[in-house]
């Protein structure tokens, strides 16, 4: 056993080679890696119902107990893999514990994104028999990649800052290092192991060995999109990655109008973007969007006197939109894995498909169940991430300050009056009128709203009600 460490964590992400790293760690007699121990959708491995005597439900109720179990009851030194969207309740404990060995596994984010897209298309996440390999090509989507990159960088910066301020260091492993037996043996020695491997694990096979040009269907479009990024940010080690705001890719600017819209998720985003496009009589795809921090700075430089704005939505309407678009819906952009977990763990009773049998009573019951989950989620009591679709608007606005806060914070109910005023301030003498968006979901909010619902949401989003002076929705 190590005289420095009691257990270890592998900080990684999907498609970075973490399965292969785990297989080689487990080849050492004194090490025992327990998979994705704090994945909110399963315990350690997708086919497991119990690990080290604890079930997923027991883990979710007390994640620190499961952490202690891994430390004390694994064979040899225990450890696990941790991704950015795993249970956030254990992260602080792991980071602040100098007796926890930190291993940071990284991979070129373009490579990991393409690998993830191919795995999604084929349904093949591991390969142990080359004859069973499934072929497919990835389709590069810049907005999706921007979010992927922002999530990776934000988590790496969080790790780096935490290690720096606590006086710790990590063992960094690049994807390419995984095939180097000397590095694997060096990692084992760092963990306090005397044993050494003579060969690497041979069970797992590299799934997509071809160059990127052969794995991406729209490779030319990908090259063009990535050319807009600072190339050094794609390959730098985590220690030097820029501190980008994760919401920057969601900002939208007018095609000609020097107006910058900074959305708060689950607000009237589509309607505001349509108004911006109509202002210059162009299609919405001609708006400036999918910014990086670099391209946003260039846009600001090219548009002196620009105005930036965001839009507050009443918490009742906003959380209902989040529920309908991200949880109730099964379409593009919805959170199907979270939906499944909420059904299984929180008994929301969401139907597989919304049809005529899904009535007002069903919708109200499901929505109330989601609010019960949300109260725990925002209080840090669940294994599922706090998503920007339902995080408090006050918290999101504070995050904007990393770059710059918006000039104007508008209210949704005032957009009909205020957007034309904003347009006139940047030179439009006869601006287009704003058209409110249709209501989200199969059942109108009005049909399920009452004082009980208002009070429940007000207790969950108390900070928003106090910070912005919200009264009852109706």
Protein backbone atom coordinates (compact mmCIF):
# COMPACT_ATOMS: atom_id res chain seq x y z
CA UNK A 1 0.00 0.00 0.00
CA UNK A 2 1.05 3.59 -0.58
CA UNK A 3 2.31 5.70 2.29
CA UNK A 4 0.97 8.82 0.50
CA UNK A 5 -2.44 7.79 -0.78
CA UNK A 6 -5.47 5.88 0.51
CA UNK A 7 -7.38 5.79 -2.80
CA UNK A 8 -7.31 7.28 -6.30
CA UNK A 9 -9.56 8.99 -8.81
CA UNK A 10 -9.19 9.14 -12.58
CA UNK A 11 -10.59 12.45 -13.83
CA UNK A 12 -11.59 11.80 -17.43
CA UNK A 13 -14.42 12.17 -19.95
CA UNK A 14 -16.21 9.92 -22.39
CA UNK A 15 -14.06 8.67 -25.29
CA UNK A 16 -10.74 9.61 -23.71
CA UNK A 17 -9.54 6.00 -23.24
CA UNK A 18 -10.61 5.72 -19.61
CA UNK A 19 -11.83 2.12 -20.04
CA UNK A 20 -8.38 1.10 -21.31
CA UNK A 21 -6.65 2.97 -18.49
CA UNK A 22 -8.90 1.26 -15.95
CA UNK A 23 -8.16 -2.17 -17.44
CA UNK A 24 -4.43 -1.58 -17.06
CA UNK A 25 -4.76 -0.20 -13.53
CA UNK A 26 -6.72 -3.30 -12.56
CA UNK A 27 -3.91 -5.47 -13.98
CA UNK A 28 -1.79 -4.41 -10.99
CA UNK A 29 -2.51 -6.74 -8.02
CA UNK A 30 -2.63 -3.85 -5.55
CA UNK A 31 -5.07 -1.62 -7.46
CA UNK A 32 -8.84 -1.88 -7.89
CA UNK A 33 -10.67 0.67 -10.07
CA UNK A 34 -14.45 0.58 -9.57
CA UNK A 35 -15.60 2.09 -12.87
CA UNK A 36 -17.80 5.19 -12.97
CA UNK A 37 -18.65 4.99 -9.30
CA UNK A 38 -20.66 8.22 -9.21
CA UNK A 39 -22.37 8.19 -12.61
CA UNK A 40 -25.92 9.38 -11.75
CA UNK A 41 -27.49 6.90 -14.18
CA UNK A 42 -25.89 3.69 -12.89
CA UNK A 43 -23.53 2.47 -10.21
CA UNK A 44 -19.99 1.84 -11.52
CA UNK A 45 -21.05 -0.09 -14.66
CA UNK A 46 -24.31 -0.08 -16.71
CA UNK A 47 -25.12 -3.72 -15.87
CA UNK A 48 -24.48 -3.49 -12.13
CA UNK A 49 -27.17 -3.16 -9.46
CA UNK A 50 -24.87 -3.41 -6.44
CA UNK A 51 -21.17 -2.77 -5.80
CA UNK A 52 -19.27 -3.51 -2.59
CA UNK A 53 -22.55 -4.27 -0.85
CA UNK A 54 -24.27 -0.97 -1.71
CA UNK A 55 -27.04 -0.36 -4.25
CA UNK A 56 -27.45 2.68 -6.49
CA UNK A 57 -30.23 3.98 -4.24
CA UNK A 58 -28.01 3.66 -1.16
CA UNK A 59 -25.19 5.44 -2.98
CA UNK A 60 -27.45 8.30 -4.09
CA UNK A 61 -28.80 8.76 -0.56
CA UNK A 62 -25.30 8.99 0.92
CA UNK A 63 -22.54 9.32 -1.72
CA UNK A 64 -19.84 9.97 0.90
CA UNK A 65 -20.64 6.62 2.47
CA UNK A 66 -20.01 4.94 -0.88
CA UNK A 67 -16.76 6.88 -1.23
CA UNK A 68 -15.67 5.59 2.17
CA UNK A 69 -16.67 2.05 1.15
CA UNK A 70 -14.44 2.23 -1.94
CA UNK A 71 -11.57 3.43 0.23
CA UNK A 72 -11.95 0.76 2.89
CA UNK A 73 -13.37 -2.31 1.17
CA UNK A 74 -11.81 -2.45 -2.30
CA UNK A 75 -9.19 -5.12 -2.90
CA UNK A 76 -5.94 -3.23 -2.51
CA UNK A 77 -6.05 0.52 -3.15
CA UNK A 78 -9.51 1.42 -4.44
CA UNK A 79 -10.36 4.06 -6.98
CA UNK A 80 -12.83 5.10 -9.66
CA UNK A 81 -13.36 7.23 -12.78
CA UNK A 82 -15.04 10.63 -12.42
CA UNK A 83 -16.45 12.71 -15.32
CA UNK A 84 -17.59 16.34 -15.23
CA UNK A 85 -21.29 15.39 -15.07
CA UNK A 86 -20.98 12.86 -12.25
CA UNK A 87 -22.39 13.41 -8.75
CA UNK A 88 -21.12 16.87 -7.74
CA UNK A 89 -21.64 16.16 -4.03
CA UNK A 90 -18.42 14.12 -3.79
CA UNK A 91 -16.17 16.40 -5.84
CA UNK A 92 -15.21 18.78 -3.04
CA UNK A 93 -14.40 15.87 -0.72
CA UNK A 94 -12.21 14.23 -3.39
CA UNK A 95 -10.43 17.42 -4.39
CA UNK A 96 -9.65 18.55 -0.86
CA UNK A 97 -8.35 15.17 0.31
CA UNK A 98 -4.54 14.98 -0.11
CA UNK A 99 -4.79 11.24 0.57
CA UNK A 100 -6.67 10.88 -2.73
CA UNK A 101 -4.33 10.42 -5.70
CA UNK A 102 -5.52 12.47 -8.67
CA UNK A 103 -4.95 11.09 -12.18
CA UNK A 104 -6.01 13.42 -15.00
CA UNK A 105 -6.61 11.76 -18.37
CA UNK A 106 -6.91 14.07 -21.38
CA UNK A 107 -7.41 13.72 -25.11
CA UNK A 108 -7.54 16.13 -28.03
CA UNK A 109 -11.15 17.36 -27.77
CA UNK A 110 -11.75 17.03 -31.51
CA UNK A 111 -10.72 13.38 -31.38
CA UNK A 112 -12.90 12.64 -28.36
CA UNK A 113 -15.88 14.47 -29.93
CA UNK A 114 -15.61 12.51 -33.21
CA UNK A 115 -15.21 9.23 -31.32
CA UNK A 116 -18.30 10.05 -29.24
CA UNK A 117 -20.34 10.82 -32.37
CA UNK A 118 -19.33 7.52 -33.96
CA UNK A 119 -20.13 5.57 -30.79
CA UNK A 120 -23.54 7.25 -30.69
CA UNK A 121 -24.19 6.27 -34.30
CA UNK A 122 -23.09 2.64 -33.92
CA UNK A 123 -24.12 1.99 -30.32
CA UNK A 124 -20.67 0.45 -29.77
CA UNK A 125 -18.91 1.94 -26.76
CA UNK A 126 -16.32 -0.82 -26.22
CA UNK A 127 -14.59 -3.19 -28.61
CA UNK A 128 -13.07 -6.50 -27.51
CA UNK A 129 -13.39 -8.41 -30.79
CA UNK A 130 -12.16 -6.69 -33.95
CA UNK A 131 -14.53 -8.80 -36.09
CA UNK A 132 -17.51 -7.15 -34.37
CA UNK A 133 -16.41 -3.60 -35.07
CA UNK A 134 -19.19 -1.40 -36.46
CA UNK A 135 -18.37 1.32 -38.97
CA UNK A 136 -19.92 4.75 -39.22
CA UNK A 137 -18.89 8.33 -39.89
CA UNK A 138 -19.39 11.30 -37.61
CA UNK A 139 -21.23 14.44 -38.68
CA UNK A 140 -19.52 17.49 -37.18
CA UNK A 141 -21.90 20.07 -35.62
CA UNK A 142 -20.09 23.20 -34.51
CA UNK A 143 -22.58 24.29 -31.84
CA UNK A 144 -22.49 20.84 -30.29
CA UNK A 145 -18.68 20.78 -30.42
CA UNK A 146 -18.49 24.25 -28.84
CA UNK A 147 -20.55 22.99 -25.89
CA UNK A 148 -18.38 19.86 -25.68
CA UNK A 149 -15.21 21.96 -25.62
CA UNK A 150 -16.58 24.45 -23.11
CA UNK A 151 -17.63 21.66 -20.71
CA UNK A 152 -14.19 20.02 -20.91
CA UNK A 153 -12.29 23.24 -20.42
CA UNK A 154 -14.45 24.50 -17.56
CA UNK A 155 -13.98 21.24 -15.65
CA UNK A 156 -10.22 21.14 -16.30
CA UNK A 157 -9.88 24.72 -15.07
CA UNK A 158 -11.91 23.87 -11.95
CA UNK A 159 -9.59 20.92 -11.22
CA UNK A 160 -6.47 22.96 -11.87
CA UNK A 161 -7.54 25.82 -9.58
CA UNK A 162 -8.56 23.44 -6.79
CA UNK A 163 -5.24 21.60 -6.92
CA UNK A 164 -3.27 24.85 -7.00
CA UNK A 165 -5.07 26.41 -4.03
CA UNK A 166 -4.80 23.22 -1.95
CA UNK A 167 -1.11 22.69 -2.75
CA UNK A 168 -1.59 19.36 -4.55
CA UNK A 169 -0.51 17.98 -7.89
CA UNK A 170 -1.90 15.34 -10.23
CA UNK A 171 -0.46 12.66 -12.51
CA UNK A 172 -1.34 13.76 -16.05
CA UNK A 173 -1.87 11.11 -18.73
CA UNK A 174 -2.55 11.93 -22.37
CA UNK A 175 -4.57 9.58 -24.57
CA UNK A 176 -1.40 8.78 -26.53
CA UNK A 177 0.41 7.77 -23.31
CA UNK A 178 -1.98 4.88 -22.75
CA UNK A 179 -0.05 2.68 -25.19
CA UNK A 180 3.25 3.34 -23.39
CA UNK A 181 3.91 0.60 -20.85
CA UNK A 182 6.64 2.70 -19.23
CA UNK A 183 4.08 5.41 -18.44
CA UNK A 184 1.64 2.84 -17.01
CA UNK A 185 4.37 1.40 -14.80
CA UNK A 186 5.43 4.90 -13.79
CA UNK A 187 1.85 5.67 -12.78
CA UNK A 188 1.77 2.51 -10.67
CA UNK A 189 5.00 3.49 -8.93
CA UNK A 190 3.53 6.95 -8.24
CA UNK A 191 0.57 5.18 -6.61
CA UNK A 192 2.99 3.23 -4.41
CA UNK A 193 2.88 -0.10 -6.24
CA UNK A 194 5.97 -2.30 -6.47
CA UNK A 195 4.60 -4.58 -9.20
CA UNK A 196 5.27 -3.78 -12.85
CA UNK A 197 3.46 -4.87 -16.02
CA UNK A 198 5.24 -6.77 -18.76
CA UNK A 199 2.54 -6.03 -21.31
CA UNK A 200 -0.58 -3.88 -21.61
CA UNK A 201 -4.14 -5.14 -21.56
CA UNK A 202 -4.99 -6.75 -24.89
CA UNK A 203 -8.74 -7.19 -24.55
CA UNK A 204 -9.88 -3.70 -25.54
CA UNK A 205 -9.29 -2.70 -29.16
CA UNK A 206 -8.98 0.77 -30.67
CA UNK A 207 -12.35 1.31 -32.31
CA UNK A 208 -11.61 4.02 -34.89
CA UNK A 209 -7.96 3.91 -35.96
CA UNK A 210 -8.45 5.90 -39.19
CA UNK A 211 -7.40 9.58 -39.50
CA UNK A 212 -10.03 12.25 -38.83
CA UNK A 213 -10.40 12.98 -42.54
CA UNK A 214 -11.77 9.47 -43.03
CA UNK A 215 -14.00 9.48 -39.91
CA UNK A 216 -15.88 12.75 -40.43
CA UNK A 217 -18.50 12.95 -43.15
CA UNK A 218 -18.31 16.74 -43.47
CA UNK A 219 -14.57 17.03 -42.80
CA UNK A 220 -14.15 20.20 -44.91
CA UNK A 221 -16.87 21.96 -42.90
CA UNK A 222 -15.19 20.85 -39.68
CA UNK A 223 -11.85 22.25 -40.83
CA UNK A 224 -13.47 25.57 -41.67
CA UNK A 225 -15.31 25.76 -38.34
CA UNK A 226 -12.24 24.87 -36.29
CA UNK A 227 -10.20 27.41 -38.23
CA UNK A 228 -12.12 30.12 -36.38
CA UNK A 229 -10.72 28.89 -33.07
CA UNK A 230 -7.32 29.65 -31.60
CA UNK A 231 -5.52 26.47 -32.64
CA UNK A 232 -3.41 26.35 -29.49
CA UNK A 233 -6.54 25.94 -27.37
CA UNK A 234 -7.25 22.62 -29.07
CA UNK A 235 -4.06 20.89 -28.04
CA UNK A 236 -2.76 22.61 -24.95
CA UNK A 237 -2.44 20.67 -21.73
CA UNK A 238 -5.15 21.45 -19.15
CA UNK A 239 -2.77 23.67 -17.20
CA UNK A 240 -2.84 26.32 -19.91
CA UNK A 241 -6.34 26.14 -21.29
CA UNK A 242 -8.16 29.51 -21.33
CA UNK A 243 -10.91 30.19 -18.82
CA UNK A 244 -13.82 30.45 -21.22
CA UNK A 245 -17.36 31.15 -20.13
CA UNK A 246 -19.44 28.10 -20.94
CA UNK A 247 -22.35 30.24 -22.16
CA UNK A 248 -20.42 32.19 -24.82
CA UNK A 249 -21.43 29.80 -27.65
CA UNK A 250 -25.09 30.58 -26.91
CA UNK A 251 -24.75 34.34 -27.54
CA UNK A 252 -26.45 35.65 -30.70
CA UNK A 253 -25.82 38.95 -32.51
CA UNK A 254 -27.74 40.72 -35.24
CA UNK A 255 -26.82 40.16 -38.87
CA UNK A 256 -26.27 43.93 -39.22
CA UNK A 257 -27.70 45.37 -36.02
CA UNK A 258 -25.07 45.94 -33.31
CA UNK A 259 -27.17 44.05 -30.79
CA UNK A 260 -25.90 41.10 -28.73
CA UNK A 261 -28.44 38.76 -27.13
CA UNK A 262 -27.19 36.79 -24.10
CA UNK A 263 -29.84 34.13 -23.46
CA UNK A 264 -30.89 32.72 -20.12
CA UNK A 265 -31.82 29.12 -20.90
CA UNK A 266 -35.51 28.17 -21.07
CA UNK A 267 -36.46 31.75 -21.92
CA UNK A 268 -37.98 33.17 -25.13
CA UNK A 269 -34.73 32.53 -27.03
CA UNK A 270 -36.22 31.51 -30.39
CA UNK A 271 -38.66 34.43 -30.45
CA UNK A 272 -35.95 36.99 -29.66
CA UNK A 273 -33.65 35.51 -32.30
CA UNK A 274 -36.49 35.70 -34.85
CA UNK A 275 -37.00 39.37 -33.95
CA UNK A 276 -33.27 40.01 -34.43
CA UNK A 277 -33.39 38.37 -37.86
CA UNK A 278 -36.58 40.22 -38.87
CA UNK A 279 -34.97 43.50 -37.82
CA UNK A 280 -32.54 43.17 -40.74
CA UNK A 281 -34.96 41.17 -42.90
CA UNK A 282 -32.68 38.15 -43.07
CA UNK A 283 -33.02 34.45 -42.29
CA UNK A 284 -32.17 33.39 -38.75
CA UNK A 285 -29.17 31.38 -39.94
CA UNK A 286 -27.59 34.70 -41.02
CA UNK A 287 -27.35 35.92 -37.43
CA UNK A 288 -23.93 35.80 -35.81
CA UNK A 289 -23.86 32.90 -33.38
CA UNK A 290 -21.81 30.04 -31.93
CA UNK A 291 -19.21 32.47 -30.69
CA UNK A 292 -15.93 31.52 -29.11
CA UNK A 293 -14.35 34.00 -26.72
CA UNK A 294 -12.01 35.06 -29.53
CA UNK A 295 -14.72 35.61 -32.16
CA UNK A 296 -16.88 37.45 -29.63
CA UNK A 297 -14.05 39.90 -28.96
CA UNK A 298 -13.66 40.43 -32.71
CA UNK A 299 -17.40 41.06 -33.11
CA UNK A 300 -17.34 43.62 -30.30
CA UNK A 301 -14.34 45.35 -31.86
CA UNK A 302 -16.10 45.50 -35.23
CA UNK A 303 -19.32 46.90 -33.71
CA UNK A 304 -18.47 49.99 -31.64
CA UNK A 305 -21.48 51.27 -29.75
CA UNK A 306 -23.12 47.82 -29.65
CA UNK A 307 -25.74 47.07 -27.00
CA UNK A 308 -26.04 43.74 -25.18
CA UNK A 309 -29.13 42.45 -23.43
CA UNK A 310 -30.67 39.44 -21.76
CA UNK A 311 -34.25 38.51 -20.92
CA UNK A 312 -35.68 37.42 -17.58
CA UNK A 313 -38.63 35.03 -17.62
CA UNK A 314 -40.92 34.47 -14.64
CA UNK A 315 -39.64 31.41 -12.74
CA UNK A 316 -43.01 29.62 -13.04
CA UNK A 317 -43.08 29.94 -16.83
CA UNK A 318 -39.36 29.23 -17.13
CA UNK A 319 -39.31 26.01 -15.12
CA UNK A 320 -42.42 24.78 -16.93
CA UNK A 321 -40.64 25.39 -20.25
CA UNK A 322 -37.56 23.54 -19.00
CA UNK A 323 -39.72 20.60 -17.95
CA UNK A 324 -41.60 20.45 -21.26
CA UNK A 325 -38.58 20.90 -23.54
CA UNK A 326 -35.92 18.94 -21.69
CA UNK A 327 -37.74 16.29 -19.64
CA UNK A 328 -41.21 15.66 -21.07
CA UNK A 329 -40.10 15.86 -24.69
CA UNK A 330 -38.12 13.04 -26.28
CA UNK A 331 -37.11 15.08 -29.32
CA UNK A 332 -33.81 16.74 -30.26
CA UNK A 333 -32.22 18.65 -27.41
CA UNK A 334 -34.12 16.80 -24.69
CA UNK A 335 -32.36 15.03 -21.82
CA UNK A 336 -33.41 11.44 -22.45
CA UNK A 337 -30.95 9.89 -20.01
CA UNK A 338 -32.00 12.25 -17.21
CA UNK A 339 -35.65 11.64 -18.11
CA UNK A 340 -35.14 7.89 -17.76
CA UNK A 341 -33.37 8.30 -14.44
CA UNK A 342 -36.10 10.61 -13.12
CA UNK A 343 -38.74 8.07 -14.08
CA UNK A 344 -36.85 5.21 -12.45
CA UNK A 345 -35.64 7.00 -9.32
CA UNK A 346 -38.27 9.68 -8.71
CA UNK A 347 -41.43 8.00 -10.08
CA UNK A 348 -42.42 10.88 -12.35
CA UNK A 349 -44.61 8.59 -14.43
CA UNK A 350 -43.59 10.25 -17.70
CA UNK A 351 -45.06 8.42 -20.69
CA UNK A 352 -42.85 6.95 -23.40
CA UNK A 353 -44.82 9.02 -25.87
CA UNK A 354 -47.17 11.93 -25.21
CA UNK A 355 -50.51 11.02 -26.75
CA UNK A 356 -54.23 11.63 -26.16
CA UNK A 357 -54.12 9.74 -22.86
CA UNK A 358 -51.74 12.34 -21.42
CA UNK A 359 -54.20 14.81 -19.90
CA UNK A 360 -54.10 17.82 -17.58
CA UNK A 361 -54.04 15.66 -14.44
CA UNK A 362 -51.12 13.60 -15.77
CA UNK A 363 -49.21 16.75 -16.69
CA UNK A 364 -49.72 18.39 -13.32
CA UNK A 365 -48.66 15.26 -11.42
CA UNK A 366 -45.53 14.83 -13.54
CA UNK A 367 -44.63 18.51 -13.24
CA UNK A 368 -45.06 18.47 -9.46
CA UNK A 369 -42.83 15.40 -9.29
CA UNK A 370 -40.19 17.23 -11.33
CA UNK A 371 -40.38 20.17 -8.92
CA UNK A 372 -39.75 17.79 -5.99
CA UNK A 373 -36.62 16.57 -7.76
CA UNK A 374 -35.62 20.13 -8.65
CA UNK A 375 -35.71 21.31 -5.06
CA UNK A 376 -33.22 18.59 -4.11
CA UNK A 377 -31.17 19.10 -7.28
CA UNK A 378 -30.62 22.84 -6.72
CA UNK A 379 -29.73 22.11 -3.10
CA UNK A 380 -26.99 19.72 -4.22
CA UNK A 381 -28.78 16.63 -2.93
CA UNK A 382 -28.98 14.57 -6.14
CA UNK A 383 -26.47 12.82 -8.36
CA UNK A 384 -27.77 14.62 -11.48
CA UNK A 385 -26.11 17.85 -12.63
CA UNK A 386 -27.71 21.26 -12.12
CA UNK A 387 -28.34 22.13 -15.75
CA UNK A 388 -28.43 25.69 -17.07
CA UNK A 389 -31.95 24.99 -18.35
CA UNK A 390 -33.25 25.19 -14.78
CA UNK A 391 -30.48 26.79 -12.71
CA UNK A 392 -31.49 30.09 -11.13
CA UNK A 393 -31.37 33.13 -13.40
CA UNK A 394 -29.53 35.05 -10.69
CA UNK A 395 -26.72 32.46 -10.69
CA UNK A 396 -26.49 32.49 -14.48
CA UNK A 397 -26.24 36.28 -14.58
CA UNK A 398 -23.36 36.14 -12.12
CA UNK A 399 -21.62 33.78 -14.54
CA UNK A 400 -21.94 36.37 -17.32
CA UNK A 401 -19.66 38.65 -15.30
CA UNK A 402 -16.64 36.55 -16.24
CA UNK A 403 -16.62 38.46 -19.54
CA UNK A 404 -19.11 41.30 -19.21
CA UNK A 405 -22.62 41.71 -17.90
CA UNK A 406 -25.37 42.72 -20.35
CA UNK A 407 -26.19 46.41 -20.74
CA UNK A 408 -29.88 45.75 -20.26
CA UNK A 409 -31.83 43.10 -18.35
CA UNK A 410 -35.29 43.02 -19.90
CA UNK A 411 -38.45 41.30 -18.65
CA UNK A 412 -40.22 38.94 -21.01
CA UNK A 413 -43.58 40.64 -20.52
CA UNK A 414 -42.02 43.99 -21.53
CA UNK A 415 -40.30 42.85 -24.73
CA UNK A 416 -43.05 44.23 -26.96
CA UNK A 417 -42.23 47.73 -25.69
CA UNK A 418 -38.54 47.46 -24.88
CA UNK A 419 -37.07 45.70 -27.94
CA UNK A 420 -38.19 48.49 -30.31
CA UNK A 421 -36.66 51.03 -27.88
CA UNK A 422 -33.41 49.08 -27.92
CA UNK A 423 -33.44 48.96 -31.73
CA UNK A 424 -33.99 52.72 -31.98
CA UNK A 425 -30.97 53.31 -29.75
CA UNK A 426 -28.75 51.64 -32.35
CA UNK A 427 -30.22 53.55 -35.29
CA UNK A 428 -33.39 51.74 -36.42
CA UNK A 429 -36.12 54.35 -36.95
CA UNK A 430 -38.96 51.93 -37.65
CA UNK A 431 -38.09 48.62 -35.94
CA UNK A 432 -40.08 45.43 -36.41
CA UNK A 433 -42.55 44.40 -33.71
CA UNK A 434 -41.78 41.50 -31.39
CA UNK A 435 -44.00 38.40 -31.52
CA UNK A 436 -44.16 36.33 -28.29
CA UNK A 437 -43.37 32.61 -28.61
CA UNK A 438 -46.01 29.86 -28.45
CA UNK A 439 -46.30 28.14 -25.10
CA UNK A 440 -44.16 25.04 -24.59
CA UNK A 441 -45.64 21.61 -23.98
CA UNK A 442 -48.83 19.71 -24.74
CA UNK A 443 -50.74 21.20 -21.78
CA UNK A 444 -50.87 24.97 -21.19
CA UNK A 445 -49.37 26.21 -17.93
CA UNK A 446 -52.63 28.06 -17.23
CA UNK A 447 -54.44 24.72 -17.00
CA UNK A 448 -52.33 23.46 -14.07
CA UNK A 449 -51.40 26.73 -12.32
CA UNK A 450 -52.70 27.53 -8.84
CA UNK A 451 -51.48 29.02 -5.57
CA UNK A 452 -49.92 25.73 -4.48
CA UNK A 453 -47.81 25.54 -7.63
CA UNK A 454 -46.77 29.17 -7.27
CA UNK A 455 -45.71 28.68 -3.65
CA UNK A 456 -43.75 25.54 -4.49
CA UNK A 457 -41.77 27.22 -7.27
CA UNK A 458 -41.25 30.38 -5.20
CA UNK A 459 -39.64 28.27 -2.47
CA UNK A 460 -37.30 26.64 -5.00
CA UNK A 461 -36.32 29.88 -6.75
CA UNK A 462 -36.43 32.18 -3.74
CA UNK A 463 -33.22 33.94 -4.85
CA UNK A 464 -34.74 34.87 -8.19
CA UNK A 465 -37.95 36.12 -6.58
CA UNK A 466 -36.01 38.29 -4.13
CA UNK A 467 -33.30 39.46 -6.56
CA UNK A 468 -35.70 40.47 -9.33
CA UNK A 469 -38.87 41.26 -7.41
CA UNK A 470 -41.06 38.61 -9.05
CA UNK A 471 -44.65 38.43 -7.85
CA UNK A 472 -47.15 35.65 -8.58
CA UNK A 473 -47.23 34.49 -12.21
CA UNK A 474 -50.96 35.24 -12.42
